[in-house]
Amino acid sequence: MDKKELFEELKDLAKQVGFELRQVPLAGSGGGFCRLKGHNVIFIDIDDELIEQINMIAQALSNVPEIEEIYVRPEIREIIEKHGDSGPTR
């Protein structure tokens, strides 16, 4: 699976579990995930490298317990689990 396919699958999964995705230019300073007006939002820095955008989504998804109840392709699950100990919790 190439990075673009991985990115698209992670975006779809994030939407499936209730995240709103905002792809915005942040001059490569990174993105983040937060709760904003009652919505879970992932800010994706479109100026960042694709792998960093992938990592941002994977980190946010690693904090979602419902992921365990959804079928996720093994290579996607592995990436999410790799990010499980980093970042803030929801």
PDB file of N, CA and C in Angstrom:
ATOM      1  N   MET A   1       0.861  -1.175   0.000  1.00  0.00           N
ATOM      2  CA  MET A   1       0.000   0.000   0.000  1.00  0.00           C
ATOM      3  C   MET A   1       0.904   1.234   0.000  1.00  0.00           C
ATOM      4  N   ASP A   2       0.651   2.154  -0.923  1.00  0.00           N
ATOM      5  CA  ASP A   2       1.469   3.361  -0.953  1.00  0.00           C
ATOM      6  C   ASP A   2       0.929   4.403   0.039  1.00  0.00           C
ATOM      7  N   LYS A   3       1.701   5.460   0.235  1.00  0.00           N
ATOM      8  CA  LYS A   3       1.345   6.472   1.245  1.00  0.00           C
ATOM      9  C   LYS A   3       0.013   7.153   0.951  1.00  0.00           C
ATOM     10  N   LYS A   4      -0.268   7.403  -0.315  1.00  0.00           N
ATOM     11  CA  LYS A   4      -1.523   8.072  -0.678  1.00  0.00           C
ATOM     12  C   LYS A   4      -2.724   7.202  -0.307  1.00  0.00           C
ATOM     13  N   GLU A   5      -2.647   5.899  -0.612  1.00  0.00           N
ATOM     14  CA  GLU A   5      -3.730   4.984  -0.255  1.00  0.00           C
ATOM     15  C   GLU A   5      -3.894   4.895   1.265  1.00  0.00           C
ATOM     16  N   LEU A   6      -2.782   4.835   1.957  1.00  0.00           N
ATOM     17  CA  LEU A   6      -2.798   4.786   3.414  1.00  0.00           C
ATOM     18  C   LEU A   6      -3.466   6.036   3.989  1.00  0.00           C
ATOM     19  N   PHE A   7      -3.087   7.187   3.458  1.00  0.00           N
ATOM     20  CA  PHE A   7      -3.664   8.457   3.892  1.00  0.00           C
ATOM     21  C   PHE A   7      -5.176   8.470   3.683  1.00  0.00           C
ATOM     22  N   GLU A   8      -5.623   8.036   2.516  1.00  0.00           N
ATOM     23  CA  GLU A   8      -7.056   8.028   2.216  1.00  0.00           C
ATOM     24  C   GLU A   8      -7.812   7.071   3.135  1.00  0.00           C
ATOM     25  N   GLU A   9      -7.241   5.898   3.395  1.00  0.00           N
ATOM     26  CA  GLU A   9      -7.911   4.943   4.287  1.00  0.00           C
ATOM     27  C   GLU A   9      -8.002   5.481   5.708  1.00  0.00           C
ATOM     28  N   LEU A  10      -6.941   6.113   6.179  1.00  0.00           N
ATOM     29  CA  LEU A  10      -6.971   6.696   7.523  1.00  0.00           C
ATOM     30  C   LEU A  10      -7.992   7.825   7.612  1.00  0.00           C
ATOM     31  N   LYS A  11      -8.073   8.640   6.572  1.00  0.00           N
ATOM     32  CA  LYS A  11      -9.077   9.718   6.554  1.00  0.00           C
ATOM     33  C   LYS A  11     -10.484   9.135   6.616  1.00  0.00           C
ATOM     34  N   ASP A  12     -10.748   8.108   5.823  1.00  0.00           N
ATOM     35  CA  ASP A  12     -12.066   7.473   5.818  1.00  0.00           C
ATOM     36  C   ASP A  12     -12.396   6.886   7.188  1.00  0.00           C
ATOM     37  N   LEU A  13     -11.423   6.236   7.806  1.00  0.00           N
ATOM     38  CA  LEU A  13     -11.634   5.652   9.123  1.00  0.00           C
ATOM     39  C   LEU A  13     -11.909   6.742  10.166  1.00  0.00           C
ATOM     40  N   ALA A  14     -11.169   7.831  10.099  1.00  0.00           N
ATOM     41  CA  ALA A  14     -11.385   8.935  11.040  1.00  0.00           C
ATOM     42  C   ALA A  14     -12.802   9.489  10.910  1.00  0.00           C
ATOM     43  N   LYS A  15     -13.259   9.647   9.698  1.00  0.00           N
ATOM     44  CA  LYS A  15     -14.630  10.126   9.486  1.00  0.00           C
ATOM     45  C   LYS A  15     -15.645   9.115  10.012  1.00  0.00           C
ATOM     46  N   GLN A  16     -15.362   7.835   9.808  1.00  0.00           N
ATOM     47  CA  GLN A  16     -16.267   6.776  10.243  1.00  0.00           C
ATOM     48  C   GLN A  16     -16.463   6.790  11.759  1.00  0.00           C
ATOM     49  N   VAL A  17     -15.422   7.138  12.517  1.00  0.00           N
ATOM     50  CA  VAL A  17     -15.534   7.157  13.977  1.00  0.00           C
ATOM     51  C   VAL A  17     -15.882   8.539  14.521  1.00  0.00           C
ATOM     52  N   GLY A  18     -16.229   9.464  13.618  1.00  0.00           N
ATOM     53  CA  GLY A  18     -16.787  10.731  14.060  1.00  0.00           C
ATOM     54  C   GLY A  18     -15.876  11.939  14.061  1.00  0.00           C
ATOM     55  N   PHE A  19     -14.676  11.822  13.517  1.00  0.00           N
ATOM     56  CA  PHE A  19     -13.810  12.993  13.434  1.00  0.00           C
ATOM     57  C   PHE A  19     -14.194  13.854  12.234  1.00  0.00           C
ATOM     58  N   GLU A  20     -14.086  15.138  12.422  1.00  0.00           N
ATOM     59  CA  GLU A  20     -14.160  16.082  11.311  1.00  0.00           C
ATOM     60  C   GLU A  20     -12.715  16.358  10.914  1.00  0.00           C
ATOM     61  N   LEU A  21     -12.419  16.306   9.628  1.00  0.00           N
ATOM     62  CA  LEU A  21     -11.062  16.564   9.155  1.00  0.00           C
ATOM     63  C   LEU A  21     -11.000  17.927   8.496  1.00  0.00           C
ATOM     64  N   ARG A  22     -10.034  18.705   8.912  1.00  0.00           N
ATOM     65  CA  ARG A  22      -9.818  20.014   8.293  1.00  0.00           C
ATOM     66  C   ARG A  22      -8.407  20.052   7.748  1.00  0.00           C
ATOM     67  N   GLN A  23      -8.319  20.098   6.427  1.00  0.00           N
ATOM     68  CA  GLN A  23      -7.022  20.175   5.779  1.00  0.00           C
ATOM     69  C   GLN A  23      -6.748  21.640   5.481  1.00  0.00           C
ATOM     70  N   VAL A  24      -5.759  22.179   6.206  1.00  0.00           N
ATOM     71  CA  VAL A  24      -5.474  23.610   6.131  1.00  0.00           C
ATOM     72  C   VAL A  24      -3.971  23.833   5.990  1.00  0.00           C
ATOM     73  N   PRO A  25      -3.577  24.948   5.354  1.00  0.00           N
ATOM     74  CA  PRO A  25      -2.147  25.268   5.275  1.00  0.00           C
ATOM     75  C   PRO A  25      -1.673  25.867   6.601  1.00  0.00           C
ATOM     76  N   LEU A  26      -0.688  25.218   7.214  1.00  0.00           N
ATOM     77  CA  LEU A  26      -0.141  25.698   8.481  1.00  0.00           C
ATOM     78  C   LEU A  26       1.371  25.904   8.390  1.00  0.00           C
ATOM     79  N   ALA A  27       1.862  26.083   7.183  1.00  0.00           N
ATOM     80  CA  ALA A  27       3.274  26.376   6.921  1.00  0.00           C
ATOM     81  C   ALA A  27       4.224  25.312   7.458  1.00  0.00           C
ATOM     82  N   GLY A  28       3.764  24.064   7.481  1.00  0.00           N
ATOM     83  CA  GLY A  28       4.625  22.978   7.931  1.00  0.00           C
ATOM     84  C   GLY A  28       4.815  22.907   9.435  1.00  0.00           C
ATOM     85  N   SER A  29       4.018  23.646  10.188  1.00  0.00           N
ATOM     86  CA  SER A  29       4.175  23.646  11.655  1.00  0.00           C
ATOM     87  C   SER A  29       3.399  22.518  12.314  1.00  0.00           C
ATOM     88  N   GLY A  30       2.776  21.662  11.521  1.00  0.00           N
ATOM     89  CA  GLY A  30       2.061  20.512  12.067  1.00  0.00           C
ATOM     90  C   GLY A  30       0.581  20.772  12.219  1.00  0.00           C
ATOM     91  N   GLY A  31      -0.121  19.762  12.586  1.00  0.00           N
ATOM     92  CA  GLY A  31      -1.556  19.871  12.826  1.00  0.00           C
ATOM     93  C   GLY A  31      -1.833  19.422  14.239  1.00  0.00           C
ATOM     94  N   GLY A  32      -3.009  18.897  14.439  1.00  0.00           N
ATOM     95  CA  GLY A  32      -3.358  18.418  15.761  1.00  0.00           C
ATOM     96  C   GLY A  32      -4.794  17.958  15.796  1.00  0.00           C
ATOM     97  N   PHE A  33      -5.175  17.413  16.932  1.00  0.00           N
ATOM     98  CA  PHE A  33      -6.555  16.998  17.093  1.00  0.00           C
ATOM     99  C   PHE A  33      -7.063  17.548  18.408  1.00  0.00           C
ATOM    100  N   CYS A  34      -8.345  17.898  18.403  1.00  0.00           N
ATOM    101  CA  CYS A  34      -8.940  18.514  19.583  1.00  0.00           C
ATOM    102  C   CYS A  34     -10.454  18.342  19.543  1.00  0.00           C
ATOM    103  N   ARG A  35     -11.067  18.781  20.607  1.00  0.00           N
ATOM    104  CA  ARG A  35     -12.527  18.838  20.678  1.00  0.00           C
ATOM    105  C   ARG A  35     -12.884  20.308  20.515  1.00  0.00           C
ATOM    106  N   LEU A  36     -13.686  20.629  19.509  1.00  0.00           N
ATOM    107  CA  LEU A  36     -14.018  22.005  19.189  1.00  0.00           C
ATOM    108  C   LEU A  36     -15.531  22.130  19.060  1.00  0.00           C
ATOM    109  N   LYS A  37     -16.129  22.875  19.979  1.00  0.00           N
ATOM    110  CA  LYS A  37     -17.583  23.058  20.003  1.00  0.00           C
ATOM    111  C   LYS A  37     -18.322  21.720  19.937  1.00  0.00           C
ATOM    112  N   GLY A  38     -17.848  20.764  20.735  1.00  0.00           N
ATOM    113  CA  GLY A  38     -18.516  19.473  20.815  1.00  0.00           C
ATOM    114  C   GLY A  38     -18.175  18.490  19.706  1.00  0.00           C
ATOM    115  N   HIS A  39     -17.259  18.853  18.816  1.00  0.00           N
ATOM    116  CA  HIS A  39     -16.880  17.979  17.704  1.00  0.00           C
ATOM    117  C   HIS A  39     -15.410  17.604  17.819  1.00  0.00           C
ATOM    118  N   ASN A  40     -15.108  16.365  17.497  1.00  0.00           N
ATOM    119  CA  ASN A  40     -13.719  15.924  17.428  1.00  0.00           C
ATOM    120  C   ASN A  40     -13.168  16.339  16.070  1.00  0.00           C
ATOM    121  N   VAL A  41     -12.090  17.101  16.090  1.00  0.00           N
ATOM    122  CA  VAL A  41     -11.536  17.666  14.857  1.00  0.00           C
ATOM    123  C   VAL A  41     -10.056  17.325  14.749  1.00  0.00           C
ATOM    124  N   ILE A  42      -9.662  16.911  13.572  1.00  0.00           N
ATOM    125  CA  ILE A  42      -8.245  16.724  13.267  1.00  0.00           C
ATOM    126  C   ILE A  42      -7.865  17.811  12.259  1.00  0.00           C
ATOM    127  N   PHE A  43      -6.890  18.632  12.631  1.00  0.00           N
ATOM    128  CA  PHE A  43      -6.341  19.630  11.720  1.00  0.00           C
ATOM    129  C   PHE A  43      -5.132  19.002  11.041  1.00  0.00           C
ATOM    130  N   ILE A  44      -5.178  18.933   9.724  1.00  0.00           N
ATOM    131  CA  ILE A  44      -4.107  18.339   8.937  1.00  0.00           C
ATOM    132  C   ILE A  44      -3.408  19.462   8.180  1.00  0.00           C
ATOM    133  N   ASP A  45      -2.117  19.593   8.427  1.00  0.00           N
ATOM    134  CA  ASP A  45      -1.318  20.636   7.776  1.00  0.00           C
ATOM    135  C   ASP A  45      -0.967  20.186   6.358  1.00  0.00           C
ATOM    136  N   ILE A  46      -1.601  20.793   5.369  1.00  0.00           N
ATOM    137  CA  ILE A  46      -1.351  20.388   3.977  1.00  0.00           C
ATOM    138  C   ILE A  46       0.037  20.804   3.496  1.00  0.00           C
ATOM    139  N   ASP A  47       0.716  21.658   4.260  1.00  0.00           N
ATOM    140  CA  ASP A  47       2.085  22.036   3.908  1.00  0.00           C
ATOM    141  C   ASP A  47       3.101  21.035   4.437  1.00  0.00           C
ATOM    142  N   ASP A  48       2.646  20.097   5.263  1.00  0.00           N
ATOM    143  CA  ASP A  48       3.522  19.093   5.846  1.00  0.00           C
ATOM    144  C   ASP A  48       3.695  17.925   4.881  1.00  0.00           C
ATOM    145  N   GLU A  49       4.732  17.123   5.087  1.00  0.00           N
ATOM    146  CA  GLU A  49       4.953  15.922   4.295  1.00  0.00           C
ATOM    147  C   GLU A  49       3.784  14.958   4.489  1.00  0.00           C
ATOM    148  N   LEU A  50       3.486  14.160   3.487  1.00  0.00           N
ATOM    149  CA  LEU A  50       2.372  13.216   3.558  1.00  0.00           C
ATOM    150  C   LEU A  50       2.521  12.260   4.740  1.00  0.00           C
ATOM    151  N   ILE A  51       3.727  11.803   5.023  1.00  0.00           N
ATOM    152  CA  ILE A  51       3.928  10.880   6.142  1.00  0.00           C
ATOM    153  C   ILE A  51       3.565  11.550   7.466  1.00  0.00           C
ATOM    154  N   GLU A  52       3.810  12.826   7.602  1.00  0.00           N
ATOM    155  CA  GLU A  52       3.445  13.547   8.826  1.00  0.00           C
ATOM    156  C   GLU A  52       1.925  13.692   8.933  1.00  0.00           C
ATOM    157  N   GLN A  53       1.264  13.876   7.806  1.00  0.00           N
ATOM    158  CA  GLN A  53      -0.191  13.941   7.807  1.00  0.00           C
ATOM    159  C   GLN A  53      -0.771  12.585   8.211  1.00  0.00           C
ATOM    160  N   ILE A  54      -0.172  11.516   7.715  1.00  0.00           N
ATOM    161  CA  ILE A  54      -0.578  10.161   8.077  1.00  0.00           C
ATOM    162  C   ILE A  54      -0.405   9.957   9.580  1.00  0.00           C
ATOM    163  N   ASN A  55       0.745  10.363  10.096  1.00  0.00           N
ATOM    164  CA  ASN A  55       1.024  10.204  11.518  1.00  0.00           C
ATOM    165  C   ASN A  55       0.034  10.977  12.382  1.00  0.00           C
ATOM    166  N   MET A  56      -0.377  12.149  11.942  1.00  0.00           N
ATOM    167  CA  MET A  56      -1.324  12.959  12.712  1.00  0.00           C
ATOM    168  C   MET A  56      -2.667  12.230  12.843  1.00  0.00           C
ATOM    169  N   ILE A  57      -3.153  11.682  11.750  1.00  0.00           N
ATOM    170  CA  ILE A  57      -4.431  10.960  11.795  1.00  0.00           C
ATOM    171  C   ILE A  57      -4.288   9.698  12.636  1.00  0.00           C
ATOM    172  N   ALA A  58      -3.203   8.958  12.450  1.00  0.00           N
ATOM    173  CA  ALA A  58      -2.987   7.724  13.210  1.00  0.00           C
ATOM    174  C   ALA A  58      -2.912   8.017  14.706  1.00  0.00           C
ATOM    175  N   GLN A  59      -2.265   9.099  15.079  1.00  0.00           N
ATOM    176  CA  GLN A  59      -2.165   9.460  16.494  1.00  0.00           C
ATOM    177  C   GLN A  59      -3.545   9.754  17.069  1.00  0.00           C
ATOM    178  N   ALA A  60      -4.359  10.502  16.341  1.00  0.00           N
ATOM    179  CA  ALA A  60      -5.714  10.803  16.812  1.00  0.00           C
ATOM    180  C   ALA A  60      -6.536   9.520  16.935  1.00  0.00           C
ATOM    181  N   LEU A  61      -6.434   8.646  15.964  1.00  0.00           N
ATOM    182  CA  LEU A  61      -7.210   7.399  15.988  1.00  0.00           C
ATOM    183  C   LEU A  61      -6.760   6.455  17.096  1.00  0.00           C
ATOM    184  N   SER A  62      -5.517   6.561  17.503  1.00  0.00           N
ATOM    185  CA  SER A  62      -5.011   5.676  18.553  1.00  0.00           C
ATOM    186  C   SER A  62      -5.695   5.935  19.892  1.00  0.00           C
ATOM    187  N   ASN A  63      -6.377   7.055  20.018  1.00  0.00           N
ATOM    188  CA  ASN A  63      -7.072   7.422  21.253  1.00  0.00           C
ATOM    189  C   ASN A  63      -8.563   7.122  21.202  1.00  0.00           C
ATOM    190  N   VAL A  64      -8.990   6.380  20.201  1.00  0.00           N
ATOM    191  CA  VAL A  64     -10.411   6.087  20.030  1.00  0.00           C
ATOM    192  C   VAL A  64     -10.659   4.615  20.344  1.00  0.00           C
ATOM    193  N   PRO A  65     -11.256   4.304  21.499  1.00  0.00           N
ATOM    194  CA  PRO A  65     -11.474   2.905  21.862  1.00  0.00           C
ATOM    195  C   PRO A  65     -12.381   2.156  20.882  1.00  0.00           C
ATOM    196  N   GLU A  66     -13.290   2.849  20.212  1.00  0.00           N
ATOM    197  CA  GLU A  66     -14.219   2.209  19.279  1.00  0.00           C
ATOM    198  C   GLU A  66     -13.508   1.547  18.098  1.00  0.00           C
ATOM    199  N   ILE A  67     -12.269   1.927  17.861  1.00  0.00           N
ATOM    200  CA  ILE A  67     -11.493   1.341  16.758  1.00  0.00           C
ATOM    201  C   ILE A  67     -11.408  -0.182  16.929  1.00  0.00           C
ATOM    202  N   GLU A  68     -11.362  -0.629  18.167  1.00  0.00           N
ATOM    203  CA  GLU A  68     -11.261  -2.065  18.434  1.00  0.00           C
ATOM    204  C   GLU A  68     -12.481  -2.833  17.932  1.00  0.00           C
ATOM    205  N   GLU A  69     -13.611  -2.164  17.799  1.00  0.00           N
ATOM    206  CA  GLU A  69     -14.856  -2.815  17.391  1.00  0.00           C
ATOM    207  C   GLU A  69     -15.103  -2.757  15.885  1.00  0.00           C
ATOM    208  N   ILE A  70     -14.214  -2.128  15.151  1.00  0.00           N
ATOM    209  CA  ILE A  70     -14.372  -1.930  13.711  1.00  0.00           C
ATOM    210  C   ILE A  70     -13.307  -2.752  12.986  1.00  0.00           C
ATOM    211  N   TYR A  71     -13.695  -3.362  11.859  1.00  0.00           N
ATOM    212  CA  TYR A  71     -12.679  -4.048  11.070  1.00  0.00           C
ATOM    213  C   TYR A  71     -11.779  -2.993  10.434  1.00  0.00           C
ATOM    214  N   VAL A  72     -10.495  -3.148  10.694  1.00  0.00           N
ATOM    215  CA  VAL A  72      -9.476  -2.276  10.119  1.00  0.00           C
ATOM    216  C   VAL A  72      -8.404  -3.189   9.537  1.00  0.00           C
ATOM    217  N   ARG A  73      -8.005  -2.908   8.317  1.00  0.00           N
ATOM    218  CA  ARG A  73      -6.971  -3.739   7.684  1.00  0.00           C
ATOM    219  C   ARG A  73      -5.745  -3.809   8.584  1.00  0.00           C
ATOM    220  N   PRO A  74      -5.111  -4.966   8.666  1.00  0.00           N
ATOM    221  CA  PRO A  74      -3.992  -5.148   9.592  1.00  0.00           C
ATOM    222  C   PRO A  74      -2.889  -4.096   9.466  1.00  0.00           C
ATOM    223  N   GLU A  75      -2.533  -3.703   8.248  1.00  0.00           N
ATOM    224  CA  GLU A  75      -1.453  -2.715   8.104  1.00  0.00           C
ATOM    225  C   GLU A  75      -1.872  -1.336   8.621  1.00  0.00           C
ATOM    226  N   ILE A  76      -3.152  -1.024   8.526  1.00  0.00           N
ATOM    227  CA  ILE A  76      -3.669   0.237   9.059  1.00  0.00           C
ATOM    228  C   ILE A  76      -3.698   0.172  10.589  1.00  0.00           C
ATOM    229  N   ARG A  77      -4.190  -0.934  11.112  1.00  0.00           N
ATOM    230  CA  ARG A  77      -4.248  -1.114  12.575  1.00  0.00           C
ATOM    231  C   ARG A  77      -2.847  -1.021  13.187  1.00  0.00           C
ATOM    232  N   GLU A  78      -1.870  -1.609  12.518  1.00  0.00           N
ATOM    233  CA  GLU A  78      -0.489  -1.579  13.014  1.00  0.00           C
ATOM    234  C   GLU A  78       0.018  -0.140  13.128  1.00  0.00           C
ATOM    235  N   ILE A  79      -0.270   0.670  12.138  1.00  0.00           N
ATOM    236  CA  ILE A  79       0.163   2.073  12.172  1.00  0.00           C
ATOM    237  C   ILE A  79      -0.524   2.820  13.303  1.00  0.00           C
ATOM    238  N   ILE A  80      -1.803   2.578  13.486  1.00  0.00           N
ATOM    239  CA  ILE A  80      -2.545   3.240  14.565  1.00  0.00           C
ATOM    240  C   ILE A  80      -1.988   2.816  15.916  1.00  0.00           C
ATOM    241  N   GLU A  81      -1.770   1.527  16.102  1.00  0.00           N
ATOM    242  CA  GLU A  81      -1.258   1.023  17.379  1.00  0.00           C
ATOM    243  C   GLU A  81       0.139   1.557  17.673  1.00  0.00           C
ATOM    244  N   LYS A  82       0.944   1.764  16.634  1.00  0.00           N
ATOM    245  CA  LYS A  82       2.292   2.308  16.805  1.00  0.00           C
ATOM    246  C   LYS A  82       2.227   3.700  17.457  1.00  0.00           C
ATOM    247  N   HIS A  83       1.152   4.414  17.226  1.00  0.00           N
ATOM    248  CA  HIS A  83       1.003   5.773  17.772  1.00  0.00           C
ATOM    249  C   HIS A  83       0.254   5.792  19.091  1.00  0.00           C
ATOM    250  N   GLY A  84      -0.069   4.635  19.620  1.00  0.00           N
ATOM    251  CA  GLY A  84      -0.906   4.515  20.808  1.00  0.00           C
ATOM    252  C   GLY A  84      -0.391   5.165  22.064  1.00  0.00           C
ATOM    253  N   ASP A  85       0.909   5.305  22.225  1.00  0.00           N
ATOM    254  CA  ASP A  85       1.443   5.871  23.462  1.00  0.00           C
ATOM    255  C   ASP A  85       1.857   7.324  23.324  1.00  0.00           C
ATOM    256  N   SER A  86       1.503   7.954  22.200  1.00  0.00           N
ATOM    257  CA  SER A  86       1.916   9.344  22.003  1.00  0.00           C
ATOM    258  C   SER A  86       0.704  10.265  21.937  1.00  0.00           C
ATOM    259  N   GLY A  87       0.892  11.470  22.387  1.00  0.00           N
ATOM    260  CA  GLY A  87      -0.150  12.487  22.245  1.00  0.00           C
ATOM    261  C   GLY A  87      -1.180  12.485  23.351  1.00  0.00           C
ATOM    262  N   PRO A  88      -2.040  13.496  23.351  1.00  0.00           N
ATOM    263  CA  PRO A  88      -3.070  13.629  24.377  1.00  0.00           C
ATOM    264  C   PRO A  88      -4.176  12.616  24.190  1.00  0.00           C
ATOM    265  N   THR A  89      -4.898  12.338  25.235  1.00  0.00           N
ATOM    266  CA  THR A  89      -6.032  11.432  25.132  1.00  0.00           C
ATOM    267  C   THR A  89      -7.314  12.230  25.068  1.00  0.00           C
ATOM    268  N   ARG A  90      -8.357  11.589  24.534  1.00  0.00           N
ATOM    269  CA  ARG A  90      -9.633  12.264  24.401  1.00  0.00           C
ATOM    270  C   ARG A  90     -10.429  12.073  25.668  1.00  0.00           C
TER     271      ARG A  90
END
